[in-house]
Amino acid sequence: MWRNTHTIMLPGWNLNKCVIIILILQLSIIPTSFAIGVGFSVSDSSGSVGISDYYIVSDSVSVHESGTGGFSPASISSSRTVSGPGSISMMQKYQGSGGYSIL
């Protein structure tokens, strides 16, 4: 049975160095992005309302979100600030149950 026991590598390099170099090259070529999910809800005896936001952003983009909720009747609102160069995709979802409608 024949086995190849020789590995071709640059002099003084080992497998760990090669793997690290490949990872660094890959991370510098492929843009980094992050997924963020934010959500909250309020409810009372008549029903509930909720809001969910989903973001996919470049690592150079920052997102700040704040929200408020109230009772009798249940209400909800949110606001956000997005800043920085890069790309962003965003989806916002409202939900309600009981006697409440989404306006």
Protein backbone atom coordinates (compact mmCIF):
# COMPACT_ATOMS: atom_id res chain seq x y z
CA MET A 1 0.00 0.00 0.00
CA TRP A 2 1.41 3.38 -1.03
CA ARG A 3 1.17 6.46 1.22
CA ASN A 4 2.24 9.99 0.50
CA THR A 5 4.03 11.17 3.61
CA HIS A 6 5.47 14.36 2.13
CA THR A 7 3.71 17.70 2.42
CA ILE A 8 4.77 20.64 0.28
CA MET A 9 5.09 23.84 2.34
CA LEU A 10 7.18 26.93 2.41
CA PRO A 11 10.37 26.55 4.45
CA GLY A 12 9.78 27.43 8.11
CA TRP A 13 5.97 27.31 7.80
CA ASN A 14 3.78 24.83 9.58
CA LEU A 15 0.12 23.96 9.14
CA ASN A 16 -1.03 26.35 11.92
CA LYS A 17 0.61 29.34 10.23
CA CYS A 18 -0.99 28.44 6.90
CA VAL A 19 -4.47 28.12 8.45
CA ILE A 20 -4.12 31.47 10.24
CA ILE A 21 -3.00 33.21 7.04
CA ILE A 22 -5.94 31.72 5.11
CA LEU A 23 -8.42 32.88 7.79
CA ILE A 24 -7.00 36.41 7.82
CA LEU A 25 -7.21 36.62 4.03
CA GLN A 26 -10.76 35.30 4.05
CA LEU A 27 -11.92 37.78 6.71
CA SER A 28 -10.33 40.70 4.86
CA ILE A 29 -12.00 39.78 1.56
CA ILE A 30 -15.51 38.87 2.75
CA PRO A 31 -17.46 41.80 4.25
CA THR A 32 -18.69 41.18 7.78
CA SER A 33 -22.35 41.63 8.67
CA PHE A 34 -24.37 41.13 11.83
CA ALA A 35 -27.99 40.16 12.47
CA ILE A 36 -29.85 41.97 15.25
CA GLY A 37 -33.35 41.29 16.55
CA VAL A 38 -35.24 43.58 18.95
CA GLY A 39 -38.80 43.19 20.21
CA PHE A 40 -41.18 43.83 23.07
CA SER A 41 -44.89 43.70 23.83
CA VAL A 42 -47.45 45.04 26.30
CA SER A 43 -50.76 43.54 27.34
CA ASP A 44 -53.76 44.20 29.53
CA SER A 45 -56.98 42.30 30.21
CA SER A 46 -58.35 43.18 26.74
CA GLY A 47 -55.43 42.01 24.61
CA SER A 48 -51.86 42.72 23.66
CA VAL A 49 -49.76 44.58 21.11
CA GLY A 50 -46.16 43.95 20.15
CA ILE A 51 -43.43 45.14 17.84
CA SER A 52 -40.39 43.28 16.45
CA ASP A 53 -37.53 44.73 14.42
CA TYR A 54 -34.90 42.74 12.55
CA TYR A 55 -31.70 44.21 11.12
CA ILE A 56 -28.84 42.89 9.01
CA VAL A 57 -26.07 45.49 9.10
CA SER A 58 -22.44 45.90 8.07
CA ASP A 59 -19.95 45.97 10.91
CA SER A 60 -19.51 49.73 10.37
CA VAL A 61 -23.22 50.50 10.97
CA SER A 62 -24.64 51.23 14.43
CA VAL A 63 -28.31 50.92 15.39
CA HIS A 64 -29.93 52.51 18.44
CA GLU A 65 -33.57 51.68 19.11
CA SER A 66 -35.93 52.74 21.87
CA GLY A 67 -39.57 51.99 22.51
CA THR A 68 -42.44 52.77 24.81
CA GLY A 69 -45.52 50.87 25.82
CA GLY A 70 -48.67 51.84 27.68
CA PHE A 71 -51.73 50.26 29.24
CA SER A 72 -55.51 50.96 29.16
CA PRO A 73 -55.62 50.80 26.22
CA ALA A 74 -52.45 48.90 25.33
CA SER A 75 -50.21 50.95 23.04
CA ILE A 76 -46.71 50.63 21.67
CA SER A 77 -44.26 52.76 19.68
CA SER A 78 -40.62 52.62 18.69
CA SER A 79 -37.97 54.86 17.18
CA ARG A 80 -34.49 54.17 15.88
CA THR A 81 -31.33 55.89 14.72
CA VAL A 82 -29.06 54.24 12.20
CA SER A 83 -25.63 55.70 11.47
CA GLY A 84 -22.37 54.83 9.77
CA PRO A 85 -21.26 53.82 6.30
CA GLY A 86 -22.23 50.41 4.99
CA SER A 87 -25.36 48.47 4.20
CA ILE A 88 -28.50 47.78 6.22
CA SER A 89 -31.62 45.70 5.68
CA MET A 90 -34.51 46.10 8.10
CA MET A 91 -37.89 44.47 8.68
CA GLN A 92 -40.48 45.67 11.18
CA LYS A 93 -43.41 43.57 12.38
CA TYR A 94 -46.39 44.68 14.46
CA GLN A 95 -48.80 42.25 16.09
CA GLY A 96 -51.97 42.65 18.08
CA SER A 97 -54.60 40.44 19.71
CA GLY A 98 -57.89 40.87 21.47
CA GLY A 99 -59.73 44.13 20.78
CA TYR A 100 -56.69 45.99 19.43
CA SER A 101 -55.93 46.79 15.86
CA ILE A 102 -52.69 47.81 14.21
CA LEU A 103 -52.86 51.37 12.87
